[in-house]
Amino acid sequence: MNQPLESEFLLASADHRLVDEVLAVAAAVAVEPVVVSDASQAATRWSAAGTVLVGEDLAADVTALSLPAGPTVHLVGSDPARLSAWSMPLRASVIELPAGAAWLTGILAGGEGAGLCPVVSVVGASGGVGASTLAAGLAYRATRSGTSTVLVDADPLGGGIDLLLGAERVGGWRWDRFARAEGQMGDLRPVLPSVDGLSLLSMGRRSSAQLAREPVSAVIGSLRRTYDLVVIDPGRSQLPGSLECGRLATASVLVVACSVRAVAAAQQALGGWAGVPPHVVARRRRGTGVGPGDLADRLRTPVAGVLPEDPDLVAAAERGDPPGRSLRRRRGWGRACAELLGVLV
């Protein structure tokens, strides 16, 4: 798998000092961004870029062009107030230099460049819709099909997704071992727990430490270079680590229950969504008057898949039986995961 992605790093800035600073970081990881000095030049290369670094000097000009969504955008510069002012209009994360040089290194070394595998992020529009179960099911199903896959849990309040797979006693590193990671990292496969061939990076339960964006960027960058697929369960928080997961995702899933309140929550989630537009997946609920078709109409977006209700999944989770392991008993749910993987990857 691991097919090259046709994309490039684009740096838009006419500030020679800033350009030199970014190019020095890029040279350390053998990356050569395409440099343009005005917004119109940036527009001509926008669709070809996987990642765009916009200097604070051109932020207003680039914003005025209302360029289409597509590349991941970062604002770079040294003035925090100026960077923050343009962050929301550009839907861009802010990299303040020189303090953020380590994070920039991780982006350039392990970001959206050629030869890196897809990253699928699975988020619930509301609590209790089974986003973690779906993330685990997608990762497990991909592994069973022969795809080298790692499941990443980035929700500090989720209790640890290793419990869902019965891997809480399996030896290996959890996120607490990567709390200070930054820059470019090597192959992490030998240190990660594994269940039936599926690698796993879970939150620990000894502390509720939040993930910072730098270690998330560094670790995900490493995983993208060594696996064929990364599936992330970032949780619903707006913490830096979770937001970084959304930024790194090449495909996103928003799981929405078929109920009136869940639709309202999904509308709020979509209104503030940052990153690649999500694929909406409907979670069927008995006793509600909302169906997948109604969901698509109310959210004004197609439904990419429908997850049937399967009460056996709850019991399986309590036993630590990975979602999808017993495919005969959960044939409909497993088939839904397989079809969704075909859409996402």
Protein backbone atom coordinates (compact mmCIF):
# COMPACT_ATOMS: atom_id res chain seq x y z
CA MET A 1 0.00 0.00 0.00
CA ASN A 2 1.90 3.14 1.16
CA GLN A 3 1.38 4.90 -2.19
CA PRO A 4 3.13 8.25 -2.69
CA LEU A 5 0.90 11.27 -2.26
CA GLU A 6 1.24 13.90 -4.98
CA SER A 7 1.70 16.97 -2.81
CA GLU A 8 4.27 19.55 -1.85
CA PHE A 9 5.19 21.94 0.92
CA LEU A 10 4.47 25.54 -0.03
CA LEU A 11 5.90 28.55 1.81
CA ALA A 12 4.29 31.92 1.06
CA SER A 13 6.26 34.86 2.43
CA ALA A 14 8.18 37.90 1.22
CA ASP A 15 9.95 38.30 4.57
CA HIS A 16 13.52 37.16 3.82
CA ARG A 17 14.33 36.64 7.48
CA LEU A 18 11.31 34.41 7.97
CA VAL A 19 11.97 32.48 4.76
CA ASP A 20 15.58 31.83 5.82
CA GLU A 21 14.40 30.65 9.25
CA VAL A 22 11.90 28.18 7.76
CA LEU A 23 14.35 26.93 5.12
CA ALA A 24 16.96 26.28 7.82
CA VAL A 25 14.49 24.02 9.65
CA ALA A 26 13.53 22.33 6.37
CA ALA A 27 17.14 21.68 5.43
CA ALA A 28 17.68 19.79 8.68
CA VAL A 29 15.10 17.20 7.59
CA ALA A 30 16.02 17.26 3.87
CA VAL A 31 12.80 18.95 2.74
CA GLU A 32 12.68 21.65 0.04
CA PRO A 33 9.51 23.76 0.22
CA VAL A 34 8.39 25.71 -2.82
CA VAL A 35 8.76 29.38 -1.90
CA VAL A 36 6.52 32.12 -3.34
CA SER A 37 6.65 35.79 -2.42
CA ASP A 38 3.07 36.97 -3.00
CA ALA A 39 -0.48 35.72 -2.55
CA SER A 40 -1.25 35.38 -6.28
CA GLN A 41 1.69 33.01 -6.71
CA ALA A 42 0.44 31.02 -3.74
CA ALA A 43 -2.97 30.73 -5.39
CA THR A 44 -1.52 29.13 -8.52
CA ARG A 45 0.13 26.35 -6.49
CA TRP A 46 -2.53 26.01 -3.77
CA SER A 47 -4.24 22.88 -5.14
CA ALA A 48 -0.91 21.04 -5.56
CA ALA A 49 0.18 21.66 -1.98
CA GLY A 50 -0.29 19.18 0.82
CA THR A 51 0.87 21.70 3.43
CA VAL A 52 1.04 25.50 3.15
CA LEU A 53 3.09 27.72 5.45
CA VAL A 54 1.80 31.30 5.25
CA GLY A 55 4.08 33.99 6.61
CA GLU A 56 2.46 36.58 8.84
CA ASP A 57 3.40 39.22 6.26
CA LEU A 58 1.09 37.66 3.62
CA ALA A 59 -1.70 36.44 5.90
CA ALA A 60 -4.10 39.27 5.00
CA ASP A 61 -3.48 38.93 1.25
CA VAL A 62 -3.98 35.15 1.26
CA THR A 63 -7.14 35.46 3.34
CA ALA A 64 -8.59 37.99 0.90
CA LEU A 65 -8.36 35.45 -1.94
CA SER A 66 -10.76 33.03 -0.18
CA LEU A 67 -8.83 30.03 -1.51
CA PRO A 68 -10.60 26.64 -1.41
CA ALA A 69 -10.12 24.11 1.38
CA GLY A 70 -7.65 21.35 0.65
CA PRO A 71 -4.11 21.83 1.93
CA THR A 72 -3.29 21.99 5.62
CA VAL A 73 -2.40 25.59 6.47
CA HIS A 74 -0.06 26.93 9.15
CA LEU A 75 0.72 30.54 9.96
CA VAL A 76 4.38 31.19 10.74
CA GLY A 77 6.00 34.27 12.20
CA SER A 78 7.23 35.90 15.38
CA ASP A 79 4.34 38.20 16.37
CA PRO A 80 1.78 36.23 18.47
CA ALA A 81 -0.94 38.87 18.21
CA ARG A 82 -0.59 39.16 14.45
CA LEU A 83 -0.60 35.38 14.01
CA SER A 84 -3.66 34.90 16.21
CA ALA A 85 -5.62 37.57 14.31
CA TRP A 86 -5.43 35.55 11.05
CA SER A 87 -5.60 32.03 12.48
CA MET A 88 -9.41 31.71 12.35
CA PRO A 89 -9.95 33.32 8.90
CA LEU A 90 -7.41 30.93 7.38
CA ARG A 91 -8.39 27.97 9.60
CA ALA A 92 -4.69 27.65 10.30
CA SER A 93 -2.65 26.58 13.28
CA VAL A 94 -0.07 29.06 14.55
CA ILE A 95 3.65 28.33 14.66
CA GLU A 96 5.52 31.05 16.49
CA LEU A 97 9.23 31.09 15.66
CA PRO A 98 11.77 30.45 16.98
CA ALA A 99 9.90 28.85 19.92
CA GLY A 100 7.92 26.53 17.62
CA ALA A 101 10.90 25.28 15.61
CA ALA A 102 10.59 21.75 17.02
CA TRP A 103 6.93 21.54 16.01
CA LEU A 104 7.74 22.89 12.55
CA THR A 105 10.45 20.24 12.26
CA GLY A 106 7.90 17.54 13.00
CA ILE A 107 5.48 18.94 10.41
CA LEU A 108 8.15 19.08 7.71
CA ALA A 109 9.61 15.69 8.59
CA GLY A 110 6.40 13.78 9.12
CA GLY A 111 3.60 15.87 7.73
CA GLU A 112 1.65 15.56 4.53
CA GLY A 113 4.53 14.79 2.18
CA ALA A 114 5.11 12.06 -0.39
CA GLY A 115 5.20 8.41 0.55
CA LEU A 116 3.23 8.75 3.79
CA CYS A 117 0.24 6.58 4.55
CA PRO A 118 -3.35 7.81 5.06
CA VAL A 119 -4.57 8.96 8.48
CA VAL A 120 -8.25 8.39 9.35
CA SER A 121 -9.70 10.26 12.33
CA VAL A 122 -13.00 9.06 13.85
CA VAL A 123 -15.00 11.50 16.00
CA GLY A 124 -18.43 11.27 17.59
CA ALA A 125 -20.80 14.20 17.11
CA SER A 126 -22.07 13.45 20.61
CA GLY A 127 -21.13 11.12 23.43
CA GLY A 128 -22.02 7.44 23.37
CA VAL A 129 -22.37 7.01 19.60
CA GLY A 130 -19.60 4.40 19.34
CA ALA A 131 -16.82 6.44 17.74
CA SER A 132 -14.11 4.53 19.62
CA THR A 133 -15.71 1.22 18.70
CA LEU A 134 -15.84 2.23 15.04
CA ALA A 135 -12.20 3.40 15.07
CA ALA A 136 -11.15 0.08 16.58
CA GLY A 137 -13.36 -1.83 14.13
CA LEU A 138 -11.92 -0.04 11.11
CA ALA A 139 -8.35 -0.64 12.29
CA TYR A 140 -9.01 -4.30 13.12
CA ARG A 141 -10.78 -4.93 9.81
CA ALA A 142 -7.93 -3.30 7.86
CA THR A 143 -5.40 -5.48 9.70
CA ARG A 144 -7.35 -8.63 8.89
CA SER A 145 -7.32 -7.66 5.22
CA GLY A 146 -3.51 -7.55 5.25
CA THR A 147 -3.01 -3.80 5.73
CA SER A 148 -0.32 -2.85 8.23
CA THR A 149 -2.35 -0.69 10.64
CA VAL A 150 -1.90 1.18 13.92
CA LEU A 151 -4.77 2.39 16.13
CA VAL A 152 -3.99 5.61 18.01
CA ASP A 153 -5.96 6.69 21.09
CA ALA A 154 -5.52 10.43 21.75
CA ASP A 155 -8.41 11.00 24.16
CA PRO A 156 -7.00 11.75 27.65
CA LEU A 157 -10.45 11.28 29.20
CA GLY A 158 -11.42 8.09 27.35
CA GLY A 159 -10.00 5.59 29.85
CA GLY A 160 -7.63 3.97 27.34
CA ILE A 161 -8.75 2.27 24.14
CA ASP A 162 -6.57 -0.74 24.97
CA LEU A 163 -9.39 -1.85 27.28
CA LEU A 164 -11.70 -2.08 24.27
CA LEU A 165 -9.32 -4.56 22.64
CA GLY A 166 -8.45 -6.51 25.78
CA ALA A 167 -4.87 -5.22 25.60
CA GLU A 168 -4.57 -3.45 28.96
CA ARG A 169 -2.05 -6.08 30.15
CA VAL A 170 -0.15 -6.35 26.88
CA GLY A 171 3.35 -4.96 27.25
CA GLY A 172 4.42 -1.92 25.27
CA TRP A 173 4.61 1.84 25.38
CA ARG A 174 1.66 4.14 26.01
CA TRP A 175 1.47 7.88 25.39
CA ASP A 176 3.19 8.75 28.66
CA ARG A 177 6.45 7.42 27.18
CA PHE A 178 6.16 9.94 24.32
CA ALA A 179 5.21 13.00 26.37
CA ARG A 180 8.40 14.87 25.39
CA ALA A 181 8.78 13.61 21.84
CA GLU A 182 9.46 16.15 19.12
CA GLY A 183 10.97 16.41 15.67
CA GLN A 184 11.64 13.31 13.58
CA MET A 185 11.40 9.88 15.23
CA GLY A 186 12.40 6.39 14.14
CA ASP A 187 10.37 3.20 13.73
CA LEU A 188 8.07 2.76 16.74
CA ARG A 189 6.71 -0.68 15.83
CA PRO A 190 9.00 -2.66 18.18
CA VAL A 191 7.79 -0.75 21.28
CA LEU A 192 4.02 -0.68 20.66
CA PRO A 193 1.52 -3.26 21.98
CA SER A 194 -0.10 -5.52 19.40
CA VAL A 195 -3.41 -7.43 19.28
CA ASP A 196 -3.91 -9.97 16.49
CA GLY A 197 -1.40 -8.06 14.37
CA LEU A 198 -2.94 -4.65 15.04
CA SER A 199 -0.52 -2.18 16.63
CA LEU A 200 -1.88 0.10 19.32
CA LEU A 201 -0.91 3.37 20.96
CA SER A 202 -3.21 4.04 23.90
CA MET A 203 -3.55 6.61 26.63
CA GLY A 204 -2.46 5.39 30.04
CA ARG A 205 -4.61 5.35 33.15
CA ARG A 206 -2.03 6.43 35.74
CA SER A 207 -2.46 10.11 34.93
CA SER A 208 -4.76 12.40 32.99
CA ALA A 209 -1.90 14.26 31.35
CA GLN A 210 -2.94 16.13 28.21
CA LEU A 211 -1.17 15.53 24.94
CA ALA A 212 0.71 18.49 23.49
CA ARG A 213 0.76 19.09 19.77
CA GLU A 214 4.54 18.54 19.39
CA PRO A 215 4.62 14.88 20.52
CA VAL A 216 1.45 14.11 18.56
CA SER A 217 2.97 15.56 15.40
CA ALA A 218 6.25 13.69 15.90
CA VAL A 219 4.66 10.33 16.74
CA ILE A 220 2.03 10.40 13.99
CA GLY A 221 4.73 11.41 11.51
CA SER A 222 6.77 8.34 12.46
CA LEU A 223 3.75 6.04 12.25
CA ARG A 224 2.89 7.35 8.77
CA ARG A 225 6.33 6.38 7.53
CA THR A 226 6.19 2.81 8.85
CA TYR A 227 2.55 1.67 8.52
CA ASP A 228 0.07 1.47 5.66
CA LEU A 229 -2.78 3.03 7.65
CA VAL A 230 -3.14 5.10 10.84
CA VAL A 231 -6.58 5.22 12.52
CA ILE A 232 -7.02 7.81 15.29
CA ASP A 233 -9.61 8.14 18.05
CA PRO A 234 -8.96 11.75 19.18
CA GLY A 235 -12.04 12.17 21.36
CA ARG A 236 -14.29 15.23 21.28
CA SER A 237 -12.17 17.63 23.31
CA GLN A 238 -10.62 20.81 21.96
CA LEU A 239 -7.28 20.07 23.63
CA PRO A 240 -4.08 20.73 21.64
CA GLY A 241 -3.30 17.05 21.05
CA SER A 242 -6.80 16.28 19.77
CA LEU A 243 -6.75 19.31 17.48
CA GLU A 244 -3.39 18.24 16.10
CA CYS A 245 -4.86 14.83 15.27
CA GLY A 246 -7.56 16.56 13.25
CA ARG A 247 -4.95 18.62 11.43
CA LEU A 248 -2.96 15.54 10.49
CA ALA A 249 -5.94 13.51 9.28
CA THR A 250 -6.18 12.88 5.54
CA ALA A 251 -9.75 11.60 6.01
CA SER A 252 -12.21 12.16 8.84
CA VAL A 253 -15.37 10.42 10.02
CA LEU A 254 -18.14 12.09 12.04
CA VAL A 255 -20.38 9.49 13.68
CA VAL A 256 -23.93 10.78 14.17
CA ALA A 257 -26.72 8.94 15.96
CA CYS A 258 -30.11 8.95 14.25
CA SER A 259 -31.88 11.15 16.79
CA VAL A 260 -33.03 14.77 16.95
CA ARG A 261 -30.55 15.79 19.65
CA ALA A 262 -27.66 14.05 17.89
CA VAL A 263 -28.46 15.91 14.67
CA ALA A 264 -28.33 19.21 16.56
CA ALA A 265 -24.94 18.24 18.02
CA ALA A 266 -23.68 17.29 14.55
CA GLN A 267 -24.75 20.67 13.15
CA GLN A 268 -22.72 22.38 15.86
CA ALA A 269 -19.72 20.14 15.18
CA LEU A 270 -19.82 20.79 11.44
CA GLY A 271 -20.16 24.53 12.00
CA GLY A 272 -16.80 24.71 13.76
CA TRP A 273 -15.05 21.90 11.88
CA ALA A 274 -11.37 22.41 11.03
CA GLY A 275 -9.41 20.15 8.73
CA VAL A 276 -10.59 17.96 5.86
CA PRO A 277 -14.42 17.83 5.56
CA PRO A 278 -15.69 14.73 7.37
CA HIS A 279 -17.53 11.72 6.01
CA VAL A 280 -20.78 11.49 7.98
CA VAL A 281 -21.65 8.01 9.23
CA ALA A 282 -25.14 7.34 10.59
CA ARG A 283 -25.55 5.24 13.72
CA ARG A 284 -28.99 3.65 13.69
CA ARG A 285 -31.05 3.95 16.86
CA ARG A 286 -34.22 2.04 17.61
CA GLY A 287 -37.28 4.01 18.62
CA THR A 288 -36.29 7.27 16.90
CA GLY A 289 -38.01 8.90 13.94
CA VAL A 290 -34.79 10.01 12.26
CA GLY A 291 -33.34 7.84 9.51
CA PRO A 292 -30.11 8.12 7.48
CA GLY A 293 -31.98 9.98 4.72
CA ASP A 294 -33.33 12.50 7.21
CA LEU A 295 -29.82 12.88 8.59
CA ALA A 296 -28.41 13.74 5.17
CA ASP A 297 -31.17 16.28 4.55
CA ARG A 298 -30.80 18.03 7.90
CA LEU A 299 -26.99 18.16 7.76
CA ARG A 300 -26.96 18.97 4.02
CA THR A 301 -24.22 16.42 3.43
CA PRO A 302 -24.22 12.87 2.06
CA VAL A 303 -24.14 9.93 4.47
CA ALA A 304 -21.07 7.83 3.71
CA GLY A 305 -22.17 4.78 5.68
CA VAL A 306 -24.74 3.37 8.06
CA LEU A 307 -23.84 1.41 11.18
CA PRO A 308 -26.52 -1.06 12.22
CA GLU A 309 -27.40 -1.39 15.89
CA ASP A 310 -25.62 -4.43 17.33
CA PRO A 311 -26.11 -5.08 21.06
CA ASP A 312 -23.41 -7.78 20.98
CA LEU A 313 -20.78 -5.04 20.56
CA VAL A 314 -21.43 -3.74 24.08
CA ALA A 315 -20.89 -7.17 25.62
CA ALA A 316 -17.81 -7.71 23.45
CA ALA A 317 -16.32 -4.42 24.66
CA GLU A 318 -16.81 -5.47 28.28
CA ARG A 319 -14.93 -8.71 27.55
CA GLY A 320 -12.16 -6.90 25.67
CA ASP A 321 -13.11 -8.68 22.45
CA PRO A 322 -11.92 -6.46 19.56
CA PRO A 323 -14.77 -5.16 17.37
CA GLY A 324 -14.84 -7.31 14.25
CA ARG A 325 -12.99 -10.32 15.66
CA SER A 326 -16.15 -12.44 15.62
CA LEU A 327 -17.26 -11.47 12.14
CA ARG A 328 -19.83 -14.25 11.84
CA ARG A 329 -21.78 -12.93 14.82
CA ARG A 330 -21.40 -9.30 13.71
CA ARG A 331 -21.63 -9.74 9.98
CA GLY A 332 -23.69 -6.60 9.25
CA TRP A 333 -21.54 -4.32 11.39
CA GLY A 334 -18.32 -5.82 10.00
CA ARG A 335 -19.56 -5.38 6.44
CA ALA A 336 -20.36 -1.73 7.18
CA CYS A 337 -16.77 -1.23 8.39
CA ALA A 338 -15.37 -2.86 5.25
CA GLU A 339 -17.48 -0.65 2.98
CA LEU A 340 -16.50 2.48 4.90
CA LEU A 341 -12.80 1.59 4.61
CA GLY A 342 -13.28 1.43 0.85
CA VAL A 343 -14.59 5.00 0.91
CA LEU A 344 -11.95 6.39 3.26
CA VAL A 345 -8.75 4.80 1.97
